């Protein structure tokens, strides 16, 4: 009886398919529980049995984090024999909960297996001081000042605050007096003792009326209550000129400032105020909008009669320096923000002395 070539291929393929190594893990996860950072490296050995009918080999083991090291059986694993993969976690400088995965690859089935280690690192005092220097009772923060930097009007930017629970109680973090343009959320919503969490802050610039420097804050506290603190937030809101065409730029307003420096001179101590002024002229082809004129010096006040300047027209900006609030030397800066796409922000320096 003749056997066709196709029949031979089918027979040999069937025999080969039946002969393969098969990795069966006794467990695929391990929980270290809570342990102190000073303990150092924590290791667990996972065991695997070759339940197939052919030799099995571990071809690769890949960790997903530099904090995790591995060792594994490199020799071929005969049917019925056992192999091991040892996973070591380095907790130094990594307080709080961890959940790490190691992938094991074989030349049998399954080709890829996932091994997981979890635990919670109780931070050493030195780590808490270095990574979470801000104290709010039992809650430690890595910072309480959050700069968002430049944000184009209409866009949202996200920043994060990392927190650590140094108490023996589970803490719920509460937020109050949060500005409407900022969304605050903490994950997880409660923090177990010796654990970390992340506060996410999303800044929606579309909801902010201020141009240029924007400064806000909100209050953070915990339940059970210990104490509260302020989280200070800064951002710089810029106008989006990126969508303007070349033709629109040619017809845009142009802000010309009459001076870059105002010298109030030597002011007698008997004078309670000193005044000066400068002009903003629109030399462009469409209306110039004064978005904002401001200074961070509370002793300087600024007034302008209008915030919209037609082409070819000017507006006078008046400055008043309240001398009792100033030191011997005046050195302040005004920022003028307009819808001039070429120079949307222009500074004016105010200088002078007070004879006290």
Protein backbone atom coordinates (compact mmCIF):
# COMPACT_ATOMS: atom_id res chain seq x y z
CA UNK A 1 0.00 0.00 0.00
CA UNK A 2 1.41 3.36 -0.97
CA UNK A 3 1.38 6.31 1.44
CA UNK A 4 1.13 9.68 -0.19
CA UNK A 5 3.59 12.47 0.62
CA UNK A 6 0.75 14.51 2.11
CA UNK A 7 -0.10 11.66 4.49
CA UNK A 8 3.52 11.43 5.64
CA UNK A 9 3.62 15.18 6.35
CA UNK A 10 0.38 14.98 8.32
CA UNK A 11 1.64 12.04 10.40
CA UNK A 12 4.97 13.68 11.27
CA UNK A 13 3.29 17.03 11.98
CA UNK A 14 0.88 15.29 14.35
CA UNK A 15 3.71 13.53 16.16
CA UNK A 16 5.66 16.78 16.48
CA UNK A 17 2.61 18.64 17.74
CA UNK A 18 2.14 16.06 20.46
CA UNK A 19 5.76 16.29 21.62
CA UNK A 20 6.37 19.64 23.28
CA UNK A 21 7.36 21.13 26.61
CA UNK A 22 4.64 22.67 28.73
CA UNK A 23 5.33 25.16 31.56
CA UNK A 24 3.01 24.76 34.54
CA UNK A 25 3.63 27.30 37.33
CA UNK A 26 2.96 26.39 40.95
CA UNK A 27 2.07 30.07 41.48
CA UNK A 28 2.34 33.22 39.38
CA UNK A 29 2.11 35.89 42.07
CA UNK A 30 3.64 36.65 45.44
CA UNK A 31 2.80 39.26 48.09
CA UNK A 32 5.69 40.38 50.29
CA UNK A 33 3.35 42.26 52.64
CA UNK A 34 4.65 45.42 54.33
CA UNK A 35 8.34 45.67 55.13
CA UNK A 36 10.78 48.42 56.07
CA UNK A 37 12.99 49.97 53.43
CA UNK A 38 16.06 49.30 55.61
CA UNK A 39 15.50 45.53 55.20
CA UNK A 40 16.89 45.84 51.69
CA UNK A 41 16.29 43.53 48.74
CA UNK A 42 13.33 41.14 48.93
CA UNK A 43 13.34 37.97 46.81
CA UNK A 44 10.89 35.24 45.89
CA UNK A 45 11.48 32.12 43.83
CA UNK A 46 8.73 30.99 41.47
CA UNK A 47 8.69 27.28 40.53
CA UNK A 48 7.62 25.79 37.24
CA UNK A 49 7.18 22.12 36.26
CA UNK A 50 7.54 20.85 32.72
CA UNK A 51 4.29 18.89 32.33
CA UNK A 52 4.85 18.30 28.64
CA UNK A 53 6.38 15.31 26.92
CA UNK A 54 9.44 17.04 25.50
CA UNK A 55 12.35 19.09 26.83
CA UNK A 56 11.51 22.70 27.72
CA UNK A 57 13.86 25.69 27.87
CA UNK A 58 13.42 29.18 29.35
CA UNK A 59 14.62 31.41 26.52
CA UNK A 60 14.31 34.82 28.19
CA UNK A 61 13.13 36.57 31.35
CA UNK A 62 12.27 40.26 31.12
CA UNK A 63 11.55 42.61 34.04
CA UNK A 64 9.46 45.74 33.47
CA UNK A 65 11.34 47.92 35.95
CA UNK A 66 14.99 48.60 36.78
CA UNK A 67 14.09 48.06 40.44
CA UNK A 68 13.53 44.34 39.74
CA UNK A 69 16.26 41.77 39.06
CA UNK A 70 15.86 38.14 38.01
CA UNK A 71 17.69 34.82 37.95
CA UNK A 72 16.40 31.71 36.20
CA UNK A 73 17.18 28.13 35.27
CA UNK A 74 19.20 28.10 32.06
CA UNK A 75 19.60 24.34 31.51
CA UNK A 76 17.05 22.34 29.49
CA UNK A 77 14.13 21.11 31.62
CA UNK A 78 13.22 17.49 31.04
CA UNK A 79 9.58 16.36 31.28
CA UNK A 80 8.61 16.18 34.94
CA UNK A 81 11.55 18.33 36.08
CA UNK A 82 11.32 21.67 37.86
CA UNK A 83 12.78 25.08 36.96
CA UNK A 84 12.90 28.30 38.95
CA UNK A 85 12.75 32.04 38.37
CA UNK A 86 13.91 34.20 41.29
CA UNK A 87 12.62 37.77 41.33
CA UNK A 88 14.34 40.36 43.56
CA UNK A 89 12.88 43.79 44.35
CA UNK A 90 15.11 46.69 45.47
CA UNK A 91 13.08 48.96 47.83
CA UNK A 92 15.72 51.63 48.44
CA UNK A 93 14.24 55.05 47.69
CA UNK A 94 10.92 53.50 46.63
CA UNK A 95 8.45 53.91 49.50
CA UNK A 96 4.83 52.82 49.26
CA UNK A 97 3.03 50.07 47.42
CA UNK A 98 4.52 48.32 44.40
CA UNK A 99 3.17 45.92 41.80
CA UNK A 100 5.77 44.61 39.37
CA UNK A 101 5.51 42.08 36.57
CA UNK A 102 8.20 39.80 35.13
CA UNK A 103 7.66 38.06 31.79
CA UNK A 104 9.06 34.56 31.22
CA UNK A 105 9.50 33.24 27.67
CA UNK A 106 9.89 29.54 26.77
CA UNK A 107 10.22 27.46 23.64
CA UNK A 108 7.15 25.47 24.66
CA UNK A 109 3.68 26.39 25.81
CA UNK A 110 2.78 28.88 26.92
CA UNK A 111 5.34 30.90 25.04
CA UNK A 112 4.95 33.82 27.49
CA UNK A 113 4.02 33.78 31.19
CA UNK A 114 3.58 36.70 33.60
CA UNK A 115 4.85 36.57 37.19
CA UNK A 116 3.82 39.32 39.62
CA UNK A 117 5.26 40.55 42.89
CA UNK A 118 3.45 43.05 45.12
CA UNK A 119 4.13 44.61 48.49
CA UNK A 120 4.40 47.81 50.48
CA UNK A 121 7.66 49.52 51.45
CA UNK A 122 7.64 51.43 54.71
CA UNK A 123 9.94 54.37 54.05
CA UNK A 124 13.10 55.04 55.99
CA UNK A 125 13.22 58.43 57.78
CA UNK A 126 15.92 59.68 55.41
CA UNK A 127 13.81 58.80 52.38
CA UNK A 128 10.78 60.61 53.79
CA UNK A 129 12.85 63.75 54.43
CA UNK A 130 14.38 63.73 50.97
CA UNK A 131 11.38 62.71 48.86
CA UNK A 132 8.51 64.18 50.90
CA UNK A 133 9.86 67.33 52.58
CA UNK A 134 6.46 69.03 53.10
CA UNK A 135 4.64 68.00 56.28
CA UNK A 136 0.88 68.26 56.77
CA UNK A 137 0.49 66.38 60.00
CA UNK A 138 0.85 62.70 59.14
CA UNK A 139 0.68 63.42 55.42
CA UNK A 140 3.99 64.02 53.63
CA UNK A 141 4.12 65.79 50.25
CA UNK A 142 6.92 66.04 47.74
CA UNK A 143 5.90 69.68 47.10
CA UNK A 144 3.28 72.31 47.92
CA UNK A 145 4.11 74.72 45.08
CA UNK A 146 3.00 73.57 41.63
CA UNK A 147 4.20 75.60 38.61
CA UNK A 148 2.31 74.80 35.41
CA UNK A 149 4.52 77.04 33.27
CA UNK A 150 3.29 78.51 29.99
CA UNK A 151 -0.18 77.41 28.90
CA UNK A 152 -1.78 78.46 25.63
CA UNK A 153 -5.29 79.78 26.21
CA UNK A 154 -7.86 77.02 25.72
CA UNK A 155 -5.54 74.15 26.57
CA UNK A 156 -5.31 71.96 29.68
CA UNK A 157 -2.10 70.98 31.43
CA UNK A 158 -1.58 68.36 34.13
CA UNK A 159 0.81 68.24 37.08
CA UNK A 160 1.24 65.82 39.98
CA UNK A 161 1.92 65.81 43.71
CA UNK A 162 3.20 62.63 45.35
CA UNK A 163 2.08 62.01 48.94
CA UNK A 164 3.03 59.53 51.67
CA UNK A 165 1.14 58.42 54.77
CA UNK A 166 3.61 58.32 57.66
CA UNK A 167 0.95 57.47 60.27
CA UNK A 168 -0.50 54.20 61.55
CA UNK A 169 -3.99 55.13 60.33
CA UNK A 170 -5.57 55.06 56.91
CA UNK A 171 -5.90 58.64 55.69
CA UNK A 172 -8.48 60.24 53.44
CA UNK A 173 -7.18 63.38 51.76
CA UNK A 174 -9.66 66.24 51.40
CA UNK A 175 -9.46 69.38 49.25
CA UNK A 176 -11.28 72.65 49.80
CA UNK A 177 -11.49 76.08 48.13
CA UNK A 178 -10.33 74.60 44.83
CA UNK A 179 -10.57 77.14 41.96
CA UNK A 180 -13.12 76.24 39.31
CA UNK A 181 -10.48 75.97 36.57
CA UNK A 182 -8.51 73.30 38.45
CA UNK A 183 -9.61 69.68 38.82
CA UNK A 184 -7.99 67.82 41.71
CA UNK A 185 -8.11 64.05 42.12
CA UNK A 186 -6.13 61.58 44.22
CA UNK A 187 -5.44 57.96 43.28
CA UNK A 188 -6.05 55.90 45.33
CA UNK A 189 -8.71 57.96 47.16
CA UNK A 190 -7.43 56.78 50.56
CA UNK A 191 -3.89 56.00 51.70
CA UNK A 192 -3.03 53.03 53.86
CA UNK A 193 -0.31 53.43 56.53
CA UNK A 194 3.15 53.55 55.00
CA UNK A 195 1.74 53.89 51.48
CA UNK A 196 1.94 56.47 48.73
CA UNK A 197 -0.61 58.09 46.43
CA UNK A 198 -0.61 60.60 43.60
CA UNK A 199 -2.63 63.83 43.44
CA UNK A 200 -3.43 64.85 39.87
CA UNK A 201 -4.05 68.53 39.10
CA UNK A 202 -5.56 69.44 35.73
CA UNK A 203 -5.42 73.17 34.85
CA UNK A 204 -8.08 74.29 32.32
CA UNK A 205 -6.84 77.62 30.95
CA UNK A 206 -10.10 78.22 29.08
CA UNK A 207 -11.83 78.86 32.41
CA UNK A 208 -9.28 81.49 33.55
CA UNK A 209 -10.04 85.16 32.99
CA UNK A 210 -6.49 86.32 33.74
CA UNK A 211 -3.83 86.72 31.08
CA UNK A 212 -0.15 86.35 31.90
CA UNK A 213 0.79 85.26 35.39
CA UNK A 214 -2.03 83.47 37.20
CA UNK A 215 -1.67 82.63 40.90
CA UNK A 216 -4.14 80.56 42.92
CA UNK A 217 -4.22 78.16 45.85
CA UNK A 218 -6.41 75.63 47.58
CA UNK A 219 -6.40 73.87 50.93
CA UNK A 220 -5.40 70.28 51.56
CA UNK A 221 -6.13 68.29 54.74
CA UNK A 222 -6.84 64.78 55.96
CA UNK A 223 -9.42 62.68 57.75
CA UNK A 224 -8.76 61.90 60.55
CA UNK A 225 -7.93 65.57 60.83
CA UNK A 226 -4.43 66.61 61.81
CA UNK A 227 -3.63 69.89 60.11
CA UNK A 228 -4.13 71.69 56.80
CA UNK A 229 -1.91 73.57 54.37
CA UNK A 230 -2.09 75.59 51.17
CA UNK A 231 -1.11 74.31 47.76
CA UNK A 232 0.10 77.25 45.65
CA UNK A 233 -0.41 77.09 41.89
CA UNK A 234 1.12 79.31 39.24
CA UNK A 235 0.65 79.40 35.47
CA UNK A 236 1.34 81.82 32.64
CA UNK A 237 -1.60 82.11 30.24
CA UNK A 238 -0.65 83.02 26.67
CA UNK A 239 -2.83 83.84 23.70
CA UNK A 240 -2.88 81.40 20.79
CA UNK A 241 -1.59 83.18 17.70
CA UNK A 242 -0.62 79.98 15.92
CA UNK A 243 -3.82 79.86 13.88
CA UNK A 244 -3.37 83.30 12.29
CA UNK A 245 -2.76 83.36 8.55
CA UNK A 246 -0.07 85.52 6.98
CA UNK A 247 -2.77 87.91 5.78
CA UNK A 248 -4.25 88.19 9.26
CA UNK A 249 -0.83 88.97 10.69
CA UNK A 250 -0.39 91.79 8.18
CA UNK A 251 -3.66 93.31 9.38
CA UNK A 252 -2.97 92.68 13.08
CA UNK A 253 -2.58 95.41 15.73
CA UNK A 254 0.90 96.59 16.72
CA UNK A 255 1.57 97.78 20.28
CA UNK A 256 4.19 100.50 20.61
CA UNK A 257 5.21 101.48 24.16
CA UNK A 258 6.52 105.04 24.53
CA UNK A 259 9.26 103.98 26.94
CA UNK A 260 10.84 100.87 28.37
CA UNK A 261 12.02 102.62 31.55
CA UNK A 262 10.39 105.13 33.87
CA UNK A 263 12.65 106.95 36.33
CA UNK A 264 10.74 108.46 39.25
CA UNK A 265 13.95 110.16 40.40
CA UNK A 266 14.67 110.98 44.03
CA UNK A 267 11.40 111.14 45.95
CA UNK A 268 11.30 113.11 49.23
CA UNK A 269 10.33 111.03 52.24
CA UNK A 270 7.51 113.49 52.94
CA UNK A 271 5.75 112.53 49.69
CA UNK A 272 3.33 109.65 50.13
CA UNK A 273 3.03 108.99 46.40
CA UNK A 274 4.95 109.47 43.19
CA UNK A 275 3.29 109.42 39.79
CA UNK A 276 4.30 108.94 36.17
CA UNK A 277 2.74 107.92 32.89
CA UNK A 278 3.50 106.45 29.48
CA UNK A 279 1.60 105.84 26.24
CA UNK A 280 0.57 102.75 24.35
CA UNK A 281 0.03 103.42 20.64
CA UNK A 282 -1.56 101.13 18.09
CA UNK A 283 0.40 101.42 14.86
CA UNK A 284 -1.28 98.38 13.34
CA UNK A 285 -4.31 97.95 11.12
CA UNK A 286 -6.89 96.57 13.55
CA UNK A 287 -7.97 97.30 17.12
CA UNK A 288 -5.42 96.70 19.85
CA UNK A 289 -6.81 95.01 22.96
CA UNK A 290 -4.99 95.56 26.24
CA UNK A 291 -5.39 92.17 27.87
CA UNK A 292 -3.70 93.15 31.10
CA UNK A 293 -1.18 95.54 32.67
CA UNK A 294 0.17 94.34 35.98
CA UNK A 295 3.07 94.27 38.41
CA UNK A 296 3.87 91.98 41.31
CA UNK A 297 4.81 95.00 43.44
CA UNK A 298 1.77 95.80 45.68
CA UNK A 299 3.05 99.36 46.20
CA UNK A 300 2.51 100.18 42.50
CA UNK A 301 -0.97 100.79 41.06
CA UNK A 302 -1.78 101.15 37.37
CA UNK A 303 -4.73 102.72 35.61
CA UNK A 304 -5.69 103.21 31.97
CA UNK A 305 -8.87 104.88 30.69
CA UNK A 306 -9.57 102.25 28.04
CA UNK A 307 -8.48 98.77 27.05
CA UNK A 308 -9.25 98.99 23.31
CA UNK A 309 -7.19 101.20 21.02
CA UNK A 310 -8.16 101.88 17.41
CA UNK A 311 -5.49 101.96 14.68
CA UNK A 312 -3.43 105.16 14.91
CA UNK A 313 -4.68 106.02 18.40
CA UNK A 314 -3.02 105.98 21.83
CA UNK A 315 -3.93 105.52 25.49
CA UNK A 316 -2.19 106.94 28.53
CA UNK A 317 -1.24 104.55 31.34
CA UNK A 318 -0.88 106.19 34.77
CA UNK A 319 1.41 104.80 37.44
CA UNK A 320 1.24 105.58 41.16
CA UNK A 321 3.97 104.51 43.56
CA UNK A 322 2.89 104.45 47.21
CA UNK A 323 6.17 105.36 48.86
CA UNK A 324 5.43 104.33 52.48
CA UNK A 325 5.18 100.73 51.24
CA UNK A 326 8.51 100.91 49.41
CA UNK A 327 12.09 100.67 50.57
CA UNK A 328 14.84 103.12 49.75
CA UNK A 329 15.13 101.89 46.18
CA UNK A 330 12.33 101.42 43.65
CA UNK A 331 12.93 98.71 41.07
CA UNK A 332 9.66 97.29 39.77
CA UNK A 333 8.54 95.82 36.48
CA UNK A 334 5.24 96.23 34.66
CA UNK A 335 4.06 93.66 32.15
CA UNK A 336 1.82 94.83 29.30
CA UNK A 337 -0.15 92.08 27.56
CA UNK A 338 -1.98 92.80 24.31
CA UNK A 339 -3.31 90.99 21.25
CA UNK A 340 -0.30 92.09 19.20
CA UNK A 341 0.86 88.72 17.78
CA UNK A 342 4.43 89.93 17.25
CA UNK A 343 4.99 91.35 20.76
CA UNK A 344 2.11 90.18 22.97
CA UNK A 345 4.07 90.87 26.18
CA UNK A 346 6.19 93.94 26.76
CA UNK A 347 7.89 95.08 29.98
CA UNK A 348 8.32 98.57 31.45
CA UNK A 349 10.84 99.04 34.26
CA UNK A 350 10.10 101.56 37.06
CA UNK A 351 13.06 102.85 39.05
CA UNK A 352 13.74 105.56 41.61
CA UNK A 353 14.93 106.28 45.14
CA UNK A 354 13.24 107.46 48.32
CA UNK A 355 15.04 109.80 50.73
CA UNK A 356 14.07 108.38 54.11
